[in-house]
C-alpha cells in the first residue's frame, strides 16, 4: 500500500512539474509577424559584461530572409541541421545517434539539437544543462514549428545567433569578418561562418584556426546537397508584416573590423563536437 501511495505521489509531482513548465512557456505566435528585439542569450551576455565591468558590445543588423546568401543557408544546414526541412523541431534519428555515440565514445560526433531547438534556447533559455531547461527547449521548439513556417524559423535563427563577442546575426558577422553583406557571401566565407557556430567566441572567421579550416572543408563538400526555399512565405491577410530590416549598434570598446574573440573565451563556452567526415564513395 505504501508503495502505491509513493507511486501516486511521484506521479502527481511529475504532473505538477510538467504543468508548471507548460504554463510558464512563452507565447511564440508573435514571432510570425514581428522580429524579436532581444534574446535571452543577448541578455546573458549583457549581464556577463556588467559583472566584469566591461563595455557592452552589441552589433546586430537585421535583414530579411531574401537578403541572406543561399550559400550561407546551405552551409548552416550542412553544419548544424541537415534534416531541418524534414523534421518537426526535434530530429529523433539524430538524437538517437548522438546518444549512442555518446555512450560508445564519451561524446557525440555531432550535436543532437536542431536549428529550431537552438533558436528556442537562444530566444528564451540559458546554456544550463538542467533537465527542466531541456524539456522547456523541446516544447518551445514544437511550438515554434506549429506557429511559424520553416523559412521564418530559419530567418530568425540567422539574425539572432551569436557570431562572436557582441556580434549577432548574419549581416553583422558578414560585415565584421569579410566587409561584405550577408547577401554577397561566397561559398568559402559562408562555410567559415557556419563552421564557427559551434563556438563563435573561440573560432573566429577572421583568424580561423586549423580546426575551423577543417570544418570549412567538410561543410563545402556537403553544401551542394541542400536547397532551402527561395523566400519566406507572405503573411496571411490581416497579419502585420514583419518589421523591416534594421540595425542595432551599442557602443563598444572594440573595433568592428577586428576579430571579435574575447581573451578568456575558451573558458566561457566549451568546444562543440566535430562534424563527421562523410564516407568516401
C-alpha atoms as a PDB file:
ATOM      1  CA  UNK A   1       0.000   0.000   0.000  1.00  0.00           C
ATOM      2  CA  UNK A   2       2.814   2.399   0.900  1.00  0.00           C
ATOM      3  CA  UNK A   3       4.433   1.641  -2.446  1.00  0.00           C
ATOM      4  CA  UNK A   4       1.301   2.632  -4.363  1.00  0.00           C
ATOM      5  CA  UNK A   5       0.887   5.797  -2.312  1.00  0.00           C
ATOM      6  CA  UNK A   6       4.508   6.728  -3.031  1.00  0.00           C
ATOM      7  CA  UNK A   7       3.986   5.969  -6.711  1.00  0.00           C
ATOM      8  CA  UNK A   8       0.853   8.127  -6.810  1.00  0.00           C
ATOM      9  CA  UNK A   9       2.668  10.968  -5.065  1.00  0.00           C
ATOM     10  CA  UNK A  10       5.534  10.707  -7.532  1.00  0.00           C
ATOM     11  CA  UNK A  11       3.135  10.764 -10.472  1.00  0.00           C
ATOM     12  CA  UNK A  12       1.329  13.786  -9.043  1.00  0.00           C
ATOM     13  CA  UNK A  13       4.621  15.592  -8.535  1.00  0.00           C
ATOM     14  CA  UNK A  14       5.676  14.790 -12.091  1.00  0.00           C
ATOM     15  CA  UNK A  15       2.382  16.063 -13.457  1.00  0.00           C
ATOM     16  CA  UNK A  16       2.738  19.266 -11.411  1.00  0.00           C
ATOM     17  CA  UNK A  17       6.229  19.854 -12.811  1.00  0.00           C
ATOM     18  CA  UNK A  18       5.070  19.271 -16.374  1.00  0.00           C
ATOM     19  CA  UNK A  19       2.076  21.576 -15.878  1.00  0.00           C
ATOM     20  CA  UNK A  20       4.313  24.303 -14.448  1.00  0.00           C
ATOM     21  CA  UNK A  21       6.770  24.016 -17.318  1.00  0.00           C
ATOM     22  CA  UNK A  22       3.995  24.097 -19.914  1.00  0.00           C
ATOM     23  CA  UNK A  23       2.087  27.017 -18.379  1.00  0.00           C
ATOM     24  CA  UNK A  24       5.205  29.181 -17.996  1.00  0.00           C
ATOM     25  CA  UNK A  25       6.376  28.739 -21.573  1.00  0.00           C
ATOM     26  CA  UNK A  26       6.494  31.840 -23.796  1.00  0.00           C
ATOM     27  CA  UNK A  27       3.880  32.565 -26.443  1.00  0.00           C
ATOM     28  CA  UNK A  28       5.821  32.342 -29.704  1.00  0.00           C
ATOM     29  CA  UNK A  29       2.974  33.280 -32.058  1.00  0.00           C
ATOM     30  CA  UNK A  30       4.009  36.939 -32.190  1.00  0.00           C
ATOM     31  CA  UNK A  31       7.225  35.953 -33.961  1.00  0.00           C
ATOM     32  CA  UNK A  32       5.190  35.273 -37.091  1.00  0.00           C
ATOM     33  CA  UNK A  33       4.644  38.997 -37.552  1.00  0.00           C
ATOM     34  CA  UNK A  34       7.381  40.773 -35.569  1.00  0.00           C
ATOM     35  CA  UNK A  35      11.128  40.402 -35.143  1.00  0.00           C
ATOM     36  CA  UNK A  36      12.436  39.848 -31.595  1.00  0.00           C
ATOM     37  CA  UNK A  37      14.112  42.949 -30.148  1.00  0.00           C
ATOM     38  CA  UNK A  38      16.377  40.956 -27.867  1.00  0.00           C
ATOM     39  CA  UNK A  39      17.015  37.367 -26.784  1.00  0.00           C
ATOM     40  CA  UNK A  40      17.833  35.502 -23.592  1.00  0.00           C
ATOM     41  CA  UNK A  41      21.332  34.909 -24.955  1.00  0.00           C
ATOM     42  CA  UNK A  42      21.883  38.636 -25.560  1.00  0.00           C
ATOM     43  CA  UNK A  43      20.660  39.444 -22.060  1.00  0.00           C
ATOM     44  CA  UNK A  44      23.013  36.818 -20.617  1.00  0.00           C
ATOM     45  CA  UNK A  45      25.994  38.382 -22.420  1.00  0.00           C
ATOM     46  CA  UNK A  46      24.935  41.821 -21.161  1.00  0.00           C
ATOM     47  CA  UNK A  47      24.898  40.516 -17.580  1.00  0.00           C
ATOM     48  CA  UNK A  48      28.327  38.926 -18.060  1.00  0.00           C
ATOM     49  CA  UNK A  49      29.744  42.215 -19.372  1.00  0.00           C
ATOM     50  CA  UNK A  50      28.252  44.148 -16.454  1.00  0.00           C
ATOM     51  CA  UNK A  51      29.638  41.660 -13.921  1.00  0.00           C
ATOM     52  CA  UNK A  52      33.130  42.051 -15.395  1.00  0.00           C
ATOM     53  CA  UNK A  53      32.855  45.832 -15.699  1.00  0.00           C
ATOM     54  CA  UNK A  54      33.302  45.620 -19.458  1.00  0.00           C
ATOM     55  CA  UNK A  55      31.591  47.863 -22.031  1.00  0.00           C
ATOM     56  CA  UNK A  56      28.644  46.100 -23.630  1.00  0.00           C
ATOM     57  CA  UNK A  57      29.127  45.321 -27.284  1.00  0.00           C
ATOM     58  CA  UNK A  58      26.097  44.511 -29.379  1.00  0.00           C
ATOM     59  CA  UNK A  59      26.183  44.784 -33.140  1.00  0.00           C
ATOM     60  CA  UNK A  60      23.163  43.432 -34.979  1.00  0.00           C
ATOM     61  CA  UNK A  61      21.809  44.249 -38.406  1.00  0.00           C
ATOM     62  CA  UNK A  62      18.517  42.507 -39.107  1.00  0.00           C
ATOM     63  CA  UNK A  63      17.999  41.506 -42.728  1.00  0.00           C
ATOM     64  CA  UNK A  64      15.144  39.681 -44.399  1.00  0.00           C
ATOM     65  CA  UNK A  65      15.380  36.056 -45.468  1.00  0.00           C
ATOM     66  CA  UNK A  66      15.835  37.024 -49.131  1.00  0.00           C
ATOM     67  CA  UNK A  67      18.854  39.193 -48.260  1.00  0.00           C
ATOM     68  CA  UNK A  68      20.838  36.298 -46.850  1.00  0.00           C
ATOM     69  CA  UNK A  69      23.001  34.426 -49.327  1.00  0.00           C
ATOM     70  CA  UNK A  70      21.852  30.931 -50.333  1.00  0.00           C
ATOM     71  CA  UNK A  71      25.478  29.964 -49.742  1.00  0.00           C
ATOM     72  CA  UNK A  72      25.121  30.716 -46.033  1.00  0.00           C
ATOM     73  CA  UNK A  73      21.778  28.944 -45.788  1.00  0.00           C
ATOM     74  CA  UNK A  74      23.233  25.823 -47.386  1.00  0.00           C
ATOM     75  CA  UNK A  75      26.362  25.979 -45.235  1.00  0.00           C
ATOM     76  CA  UNK A  76      24.410  26.322 -41.984  1.00  0.00           C
ATOM     77  CA  UNK A  77      22.127  23.443 -42.930  1.00  0.00           C
ATOM     78  CA  UNK A  78      25.153  21.281 -43.721  1.00  0.00           C
ATOM     79  CA  UNK A  79      26.871  22.192 -40.458  1.00  0.00           C
ATOM     80  CA  UNK A  80      24.001  22.337 -37.986  1.00  0.00           C
ATOM     81  CA  UNK A  81      20.874  20.517 -39.116  1.00  0.00           C
ATOM     82  CA  UNK A  82      20.802  18.671 -42.416  1.00  0.00           C
ATOM     83  CA  UNK A  83      17.238  17.441 -41.813  1.00  0.00           C
ATOM     84  CA  UNK A  84      15.813  20.844 -40.841  1.00  0.00           C
ATOM     85  CA  UNK A  85      13.184  20.906 -43.585  1.00  0.00           C
ATOM     86  CA  UNK A  86      12.080  17.345 -42.847  1.00  0.00           C
ATOM     87  CA  UNK A  87      11.668  17.165 -39.056  1.00  0.00           C
ATOM     88  CA  UNK A  88       9.113  18.909 -36.824  1.00  0.00           C
ATOM     89  CA  UNK A  89      11.524  20.630 -34.465  1.00  0.00           C
ATOM     90  CA  UNK A  90      13.199  17.574 -32.956  1.00  0.00           C
ATOM     91  CA  UNK A  91      15.293  15.186 -35.057  1.00  0.00           C
ATOM     92  CA  UNK A  92      14.649  11.879 -33.317  1.00  0.00           C
ATOM     93  CA  UNK A  93      17.049   9.941 -35.510  1.00  0.00           C
ATOM     94  CA  UNK A  94      19.897  12.380 -34.873  1.00  0.00           C
ATOM     95  CA  UNK A  95      19.069  12.397 -31.168  1.00  0.00           C
ATOM     96  CA  UNK A  96      19.247   8.599 -31.075  1.00  0.00           C
ATOM     97  CA  UNK A  97      22.566   8.614 -32.969  1.00  0.00           C
ATOM     98  CA  UNK A  98      24.054  11.253 -30.665  1.00  0.00           C
ATOM     99  CA  UNK A  99      23.060   9.269 -27.557  1.00  0.00           C
ATOM    100  CA  UNK A 100      24.584   6.082 -28.987  1.00  0.00           C
ATOM    101  CA  UNK A 101      27.823   7.855 -29.895  1.00  0.00           C
ATOM    102  CA  UNK A 102      27.966   9.490 -26.501  1.00  0.00           C
ATOM    103  CA  UNK A 103      27.606   6.096 -24.786  1.00  0.00           C
ATOM    104  CA  UNK A 104      30.194   4.458 -27.043  1.00  0.00           C
ATOM    105  CA  UNK A 105      32.792   7.201 -27.416  1.00  0.00           C
ATOM    106  CA  UNK A 106      32.215   9.506 -24.489  1.00  0.00           C
ATOM    107  CA  UNK A 107      30.984  12.289 -26.777  1.00  0.00           C
ATOM    108  CA  UNK A 108      28.811  12.612 -29.852  1.00  0.00           C
ATOM    109  CA  UNK A 109      30.372  13.380 -33.214  1.00  0.00           C
ATOM    110  CA  UNK A 110      27.566  15.855 -33.891  1.00  0.00           C
ATOM    111  CA  UNK A 111      25.179  17.582 -31.557  1.00  0.00           C
ATOM    112  CA  UNK A 112      21.571  16.465 -31.397  1.00  0.00           C
ATOM    113  CA  UNK A 113      19.983  19.932 -31.200  1.00  0.00           C
ATOM    114  CA  UNK A 114      18.127  21.042 -34.297  1.00  0.00           C
ATOM    115  CA  UNK A 115      18.098  24.603 -35.633  1.00  0.00           C
ATOM    116  CA  UNK A 116      14.640  25.014 -34.074  1.00  0.00           C
ATOM    117  CA  UNK A 117      15.905  23.830 -30.677  1.00  0.00           C
ATOM    118  CA  UNK A 118      18.888  26.153 -30.919  1.00  0.00           C
ATOM    119  CA  UNK A 119      16.548  29.044 -31.699  1.00  0.00           C
ATOM    120  CA  UNK A 120      14.330  28.161 -28.717  1.00  0.00           C
ATOM    121  CA  UNK A 121      17.379  28.195 -26.445  1.00  0.00           C
ATOM    122  CA  UNK A 122      18.747  31.446 -27.862  1.00  0.00           C
ATOM    123  CA  UNK A 123      15.430  33.288 -27.648  1.00  0.00           C
ATOM    124  CA  UNK A 124      14.168  32.186 -24.256  1.00  0.00           C
ATOM    125  CA  UNK A 125      16.544  29.977 -22.265  1.00  0.00           C
ATOM    126  CA  UNK A 126      20.084  29.618 -20.935  1.00  0.00           C
ATOM    127  CA  UNK A 127      23.015  27.264 -21.595  1.00  0.00           C
ATOM    128  CA  UNK A 128      22.198  25.350 -18.389  1.00  0.00           C
ATOM    129  CA  UNK A 129      22.117  21.547 -18.638  1.00  0.00           C
ATOM    130  CA  UNK A 130      19.221  21.365 -16.203  1.00  0.00           C
ATOM    131  CA  UNK A 131      16.761  18.633 -17.362  1.00  0.00           C
ATOM    132  CA  UNK A 132      13.813  21.015 -16.967  1.00  0.00           C
ATOM    133  CA  UNK A 133      15.601  23.537 -19.189  1.00  0.00           C
ATOM    134  CA  UNK A 134      15.986  20.861 -21.849  1.00  0.00           C
ATOM    135  CA  UNK A 135      12.316  19.926 -21.515  1.00  0.00           C
ATOM    136  CA  UNK A 136      11.334  23.571 -21.992  1.00  0.00           C
ATOM    137  CA  UNK A 137      13.572  23.745 -25.052  1.00  0.00           C
ATOM    138  CA  UNK A 138      11.880  20.743 -26.649  1.00  0.00           C
ATOM    139  CA  UNK A 139       8.367  22.073 -26.007  1.00  0.00           C
ATOM    140  CA  UNK A 140       9.230  25.572 -27.250  1.00  0.00           C
ATOM    141  CA  UNK A 141      10.760  24.038 -30.375  1.00  0.00           C
ATOM    142  CA  UNK A 142       7.499  22.246 -31.096  1.00  0.00           C
ATOM    143  CA  UNK A 143       5.561  25.488 -30.501  1.00  0.00           C
ATOM    144  CA  UNK A 144       7.831  27.334 -32.928  1.00  0.00           C
ATOM    145  CA  UNK A 145       7.251  24.683 -35.568  1.00  0.00           C
ATOM    146  CA  UNK A 146       3.487  24.900 -35.057  1.00  0.00           C
ATOM    147  CA  UNK A 147       3.335  28.706 -35.185  1.00  0.00           C
ATOM    148  CA  UNK A 148       5.927  29.592 -37.832  1.00  0.00           C
ATOM    149  CA  UNK A 149       6.989  28.453 -41.263  1.00  0.00           C
ATOM    150  CA  UNK A 150      10.343  26.755 -41.667  1.00  0.00           C
ATOM    151  CA  UNK A 151      11.677  29.725 -43.629  1.00  0.00           C
ATOM    152  CA  UNK A 152      10.605  32.143 -40.874  1.00  0.00           C
ATOM    153  CA  UNK A 153      12.302  29.997 -38.204  1.00  0.00           C
ATOM    154  CA  UNK A 154      15.456  29.938 -40.317  1.00  0.00           C
ATOM    155  CA  UNK A 155      15.272  33.710 -40.913  1.00  0.00           C
ATOM    156  CA  UNK A 156      15.043  34.472 -37.186  1.00  0.00           C
ATOM    157  CA  UNK A 157      17.801  31.986 -36.372  1.00  0.00           C
ATOM    158  CA  UNK A 158      20.214  33.538 -38.870  1.00  0.00           C
ATOM    159  CA  UNK A 159      19.516  37.006 -37.470  1.00  0.00           C
ATOM    160  CA  UNK A 160      19.889  36.319 -33.741  1.00  0.00           C
ATOM    161  CA  UNK A 161      22.583  33.703 -33.254  1.00  0.00           C
ATOM    162  CA  UNK A 162      25.908  34.734 -31.758  1.00  0.00           C
ATOM    163  CA  UNK A 163      28.800  35.019 -34.217  1.00  0.00           C
ATOM    164  CA  UNK A 164      31.490  36.444 -31.960  1.00  0.00           C
ATOM    165  CA  UNK A 165      31.864  38.736 -28.974  1.00  0.00           C
ATOM    166  CA  UNK A 166      28.935  41.142 -29.333  1.00  0.00           C
ATOM    167  CA  UNK A 167      28.234  40.131 -32.943  1.00  0.00           C
ATOM    168  CA  UNK A 168      24.699  38.905 -33.570  1.00  0.00           C
ATOM    169  CA  UNK A 169      23.280  37.633 -36.826  1.00  0.00           C
ATOM    170  CA  UNK A 170      24.487  37.010 -40.353  1.00  0.00           C
ATOM    171  CA  UNK A 171      24.651  40.611 -41.551  1.00  0.00           C
ATOM    172  CA  UNK A 172      26.757  41.867 -38.635  1.00  0.00           C
ATOM    173  CA  UNK A 173      29.043  38.834 -38.934  1.00  0.00           C
ATOM    174  CA  UNK A 174      29.460  39.232 -42.693  1.00  0.00           C
ATOM    175  CA  UNK A 175      30.375  42.902 -42.409  1.00  0.00           C
ATOM    176  CA  UNK A 176      32.639  42.380 -39.388  1.00  0.00           C
ATOM    177  CA  UNK A 177      34.675  39.497 -40.763  1.00  0.00           C
ATOM    178  CA  UNK A 178      34.503  39.963 -44.533  1.00  0.00           C
ATOM    179  CA  UNK A 179      33.448  43.607 -45.099  1.00  0.00           C
ATOM    180  CA  UNK A 180      30.547  42.453 -47.236  1.00  0.00           C
ATOM    181  CA  UNK A 181      26.811  41.930 -46.850  1.00  0.00           C
ATOM    182  CA  UNK A 182      25.153  38.653 -45.913  1.00  0.00           C
ATOM    183  CA  UNK A 183      23.640  38.625 -49.402  1.00  0.00           C
ATOM    184  CA  UNK A 184      27.092  38.620 -51.037  1.00  0.00           C
ATOM    185  CA  UNK A 185      28.862  35.881 -49.094  1.00  0.00           C
ATOM    186  CA  UNK A 186      30.925  33.468 -51.161  1.00  0.00           C
ATOM    187  CA  UNK A 187      30.800  29.720 -50.590  1.00  0.00           C
ATOM    188  CA  UNK A 188      34.116  29.800 -48.732  1.00  0.00           C
ATOM    189  CA  UNK A 189      33.069  32.703 -46.495  1.00  0.00           C
ATOM    190  CA  UNK A 190      29.712  31.090 -45.762  1.00  0.00           C
ATOM    191  CA  UNK A 191      31.361  27.794 -44.827  1.00  0.00           C
ATOM    192  CA  UNK A 192      33.708  29.591 -42.423  1.00  0.00           C
ATOM    193  CA  UNK A 193      30.794  31.354 -40.728  1.00  0.00           C
ATOM    194  CA  UNK A 194      28.786  28.133 -40.493  1.00  0.00           C
ATOM    195  CA  UNK A 195      31.765  26.254 -39.089  1.00  0.00           C
ATOM    196  CA  UNK A 196      32.283  28.825 -36.350  1.00  0.00           C
ATOM    197  CA  UNK A 197      28.732  28.461 -34.958  1.00  0.00           C
ATOM    198  CA  UNK A 198      29.946  25.624 -32.713  1.00  0.00           C
ATOM    199  CA  UNK A 199      31.854  28.163 -30.582  1.00  0.00           C
ATOM    200  CA  UNK A 200      31.909  31.631 -32.167  1.00  0.00           C
ATOM    201  CA  UNK A 201      33.753  33.295 -29.298  1.00  0.00           C
ATOM    202  CA  UNK A 202      36.687  30.923 -29.834  1.00  0.00           C
ATOM    203  CA  UNK A 203      36.677  30.094 -33.560  1.00  0.00           C
ATOM    204  CA  UNK A 204      36.953  33.420 -35.353  1.00  0.00           C
ATOM    205  CA  UNK A 205      36.411  33.517 -39.138  1.00  0.00           C
ATOM    206  CA  UNK A 206      38.795  36.494 -39.190  1.00  0.00           C
ATOM    207  CA  UNK A 207      41.684  34.313 -37.973  1.00  0.00           C
ATOM    208  CA  UNK A 208      40.487  30.719 -38.472  1.00  0.00           C
ATOM    209  CA  UNK A 209      42.423  28.052 -36.565  1.00  0.00           C
ATOM    210  CA  UNK A 210      43.155  24.664 -38.098  1.00  0.00           C
ATOM    211  CA  UNK A 211      40.023  23.079 -36.664  1.00  0.00           C
ATOM    212  CA  UNK A 212      37.769  25.724 -38.206  1.00  0.00           C
ATOM    213  CA  UNK A 213      39.504  25.366 -41.576  1.00  0.00           C
ATOM    214  CA  UNK A 214      38.946  21.612 -41.376  1.00  0.00           C
ATOM    215  CA  UNK A 215      35.253  22.169 -40.666  1.00  0.00           C
ATOM    216  CA  UNK A 216      35.093  24.616 -43.563  1.00  0.00           C
ATOM    217  CA  UNK A 217      36.365  21.948 -45.971  1.00  0.00           C
ATOM    218  CA  UNK A 218      33.833  19.392 -44.734  1.00  0.00           C
ATOM    219  CA  UNK A 219      30.958  21.891 -44.972  1.00  0.00           C
ATOM    220  CA  UNK A 220      31.995  22.900 -48.508  1.00  0.00           C
ATOM    221  CA  UNK A 221      31.903  19.240 -49.527  1.00  0.00           C
ATOM    222  CA  UNK A 222      28.317  18.925 -48.242  1.00  0.00           C
ATOM    223  CA  UNK A 223      26.736  22.229 -49.253  1.00  0.00           C
ATOM    224  CA  UNK A 224      25.586  21.104 -52.701  1.00  0.00           C
ATOM    225  CA  UNK A 225      23.031  18.719 -51.225  1.00  0.00           C
ATOM    226  CA  UNK A 226      20.808  21.391 -49.660  1.00  0.00           C
ATOM    227  CA  UNK A 227      18.344  23.696 -51.372  1.00  0.00           C
ATOM    228  CA  UNK A 228      16.462  25.948 -48.918  1.00  0.00           C
ATOM    229  CA  UNK A 229      13.233  27.665 -50.006  1.00  0.00           C
ATOM    230  CA  UNK A 230      13.958  30.831 -52.045  1.00  0.00           C
ATOM    231  CA  UNK A 231      11.841  33.081 -49.819  1.00  0.00           C
ATOM    232  CA  UNK A 232       9.788  33.216 -46.656  1.00  0.00           C
ATOM    233  CA  UNK A 233       6.013  32.998 -47.227  1.00  0.00           C
ATOM    234  CA  UNK A 234       3.967  36.185 -47.365  1.00  0.00           C
ATOM    235  CA  UNK A 235       1.921  36.823 -44.180  1.00  0.00           C
ATOM    236  CA  UNK A 236      -1.759  35.969 -44.492  1.00  0.00           C
ATOM    237  CA  UNK A 237      -4.297  38.808 -44.980  1.00  0.00           C
ATOM    238  CA  UNK A 238      -4.827  40.734 -41.768  1.00  0.00           C
ATOM    239  CA  UNK A 239      -1.386  39.944 -40.413  1.00  0.00           C
ATOM    240  CA  UNK A 240       1.170  42.645 -39.755  1.00  0.00           C
ATOM    241  CA  UNK A 241       4.217  42.397 -41.989  1.00  0.00           C
ATOM    242  CA  UNK A 242       7.389  41.603 -40.022  1.00  0.00           C
ATOM    243  CA  UNK A 243       9.373  44.690 -39.092  1.00  0.00           C
ATOM    244  CA  UNK A 244      11.749  45.927 -41.825  1.00  0.00           C
ATOM    245  CA  UNK A 245      15.484  45.386 -41.923  1.00  0.00           C
ATOM    246  CA  UNK A 246      17.028  47.268 -39.038  1.00  0.00           C
ATOM    247  CA  UNK A 247      20.335  47.978 -37.349  1.00  0.00           C
ATOM    248  CA  UNK A 248      21.140  47.880 -33.645  1.00  0.00           C
ATOM    249  CA  UNK A 249      24.547  49.045 -32.510  1.00  0.00           C
ATOM    250  CA  UNK A 250      25.539  49.554 -28.881  1.00  0.00           C
ATOM    251  CA  UNK A 251      28.754  51.446 -28.174  1.00  0.00           C
ATOM    252  CA  UNK A 252      31.756  49.168 -27.939  1.00  0.00           C
ATOM    253  CA  UNK A 253      35.378  49.401 -26.952  1.00  0.00           C
ATOM    254  CA  UNK A 254      36.330  47.087 -29.810  1.00  0.00           C
ATOM    255  CA  UNK A 255      36.711  47.933 -33.500  1.00  0.00           C
ATOM    256  CA  UNK A 256      34.041  46.151 -35.535  1.00  0.00           C
ATOM    257  CA  UNK A 257      36.537  45.446 -38.294  1.00  0.00           C
ATOM    258  CA  UNK A 258      38.678  43.328 -35.976  1.00  0.00           C
ATOM    259  CA  UNK A 259      38.242  39.750 -34.848  1.00  0.00           C
ATOM    260  CA  UNK A 260      35.696  39.569 -32.031  1.00  0.00           C
ATOM    261  CA  UNK A 261      37.203  36.909 -29.793  1.00  0.00           C
ATOM    262  CA  UNK A 262      37.285  37.659 -26.091  1.00  0.00           C
ATOM    263  CA  UNK A 263      40.606  36.968 -24.282  1.00  0.00           C
ATOM    264  CA  UNK A 264      39.058  34.370 -21.983  1.00  0.00           C
ATOM    265  CA  UNK A 265      36.551  32.968 -24.446  1.00  0.00           C
ATOM    266  CA  UNK A 266      37.826  29.420 -24.150  1.00  0.00           C
ATOM    267  CA  UNK A 267      36.804  29.403 -20.509  1.00  0.00           C
ATOM    268  CA  UNK A 268      33.312  30.701 -21.223  1.00  0.00           C
ATOM    269  CA  UNK A 269      31.999  28.229 -23.747  1.00  0.00           C
ATOM    270  CA  UNK A 270      33.183  24.657 -24.292  1.00  0.00           C
ATOM    271  CA  UNK A 271      34.138  23.482 -27.739  1.00  0.00           C
ATOM    272  CA  UNK A 272      31.455  21.640 -29.648  1.00  0.00           C
ATOM    273  CA  UNK A 273      31.880  18.242 -31.303  1.00  0.00           C
ATOM    274  CA  UNK A 274      33.291  17.838 -34.789  1.00  0.00           C
ATOM    275  CA  UNK A 275      31.256  17.271 -37.909  1.00  0.00           C
ATOM    276  CA  UNK A 276      31.681  13.701 -39.027  1.00  0.00           C
ATOM    277  CA  UNK A 277      33.685  13.363 -42.251  1.00  0.00           C
ATOM    278  CA  UNK A 278      31.403  11.995 -44.999  1.00  0.00           C
ATOM    279  CA  UNK A 279      32.361   8.500 -46.180  1.00  0.00           C
ATOM    280  CA  UNK A 280      34.439   8.190 -49.341  1.00  0.00           C
ATOM    281  CA  UNK A 281      32.300   6.977 -52.251  1.00  0.00           C
END
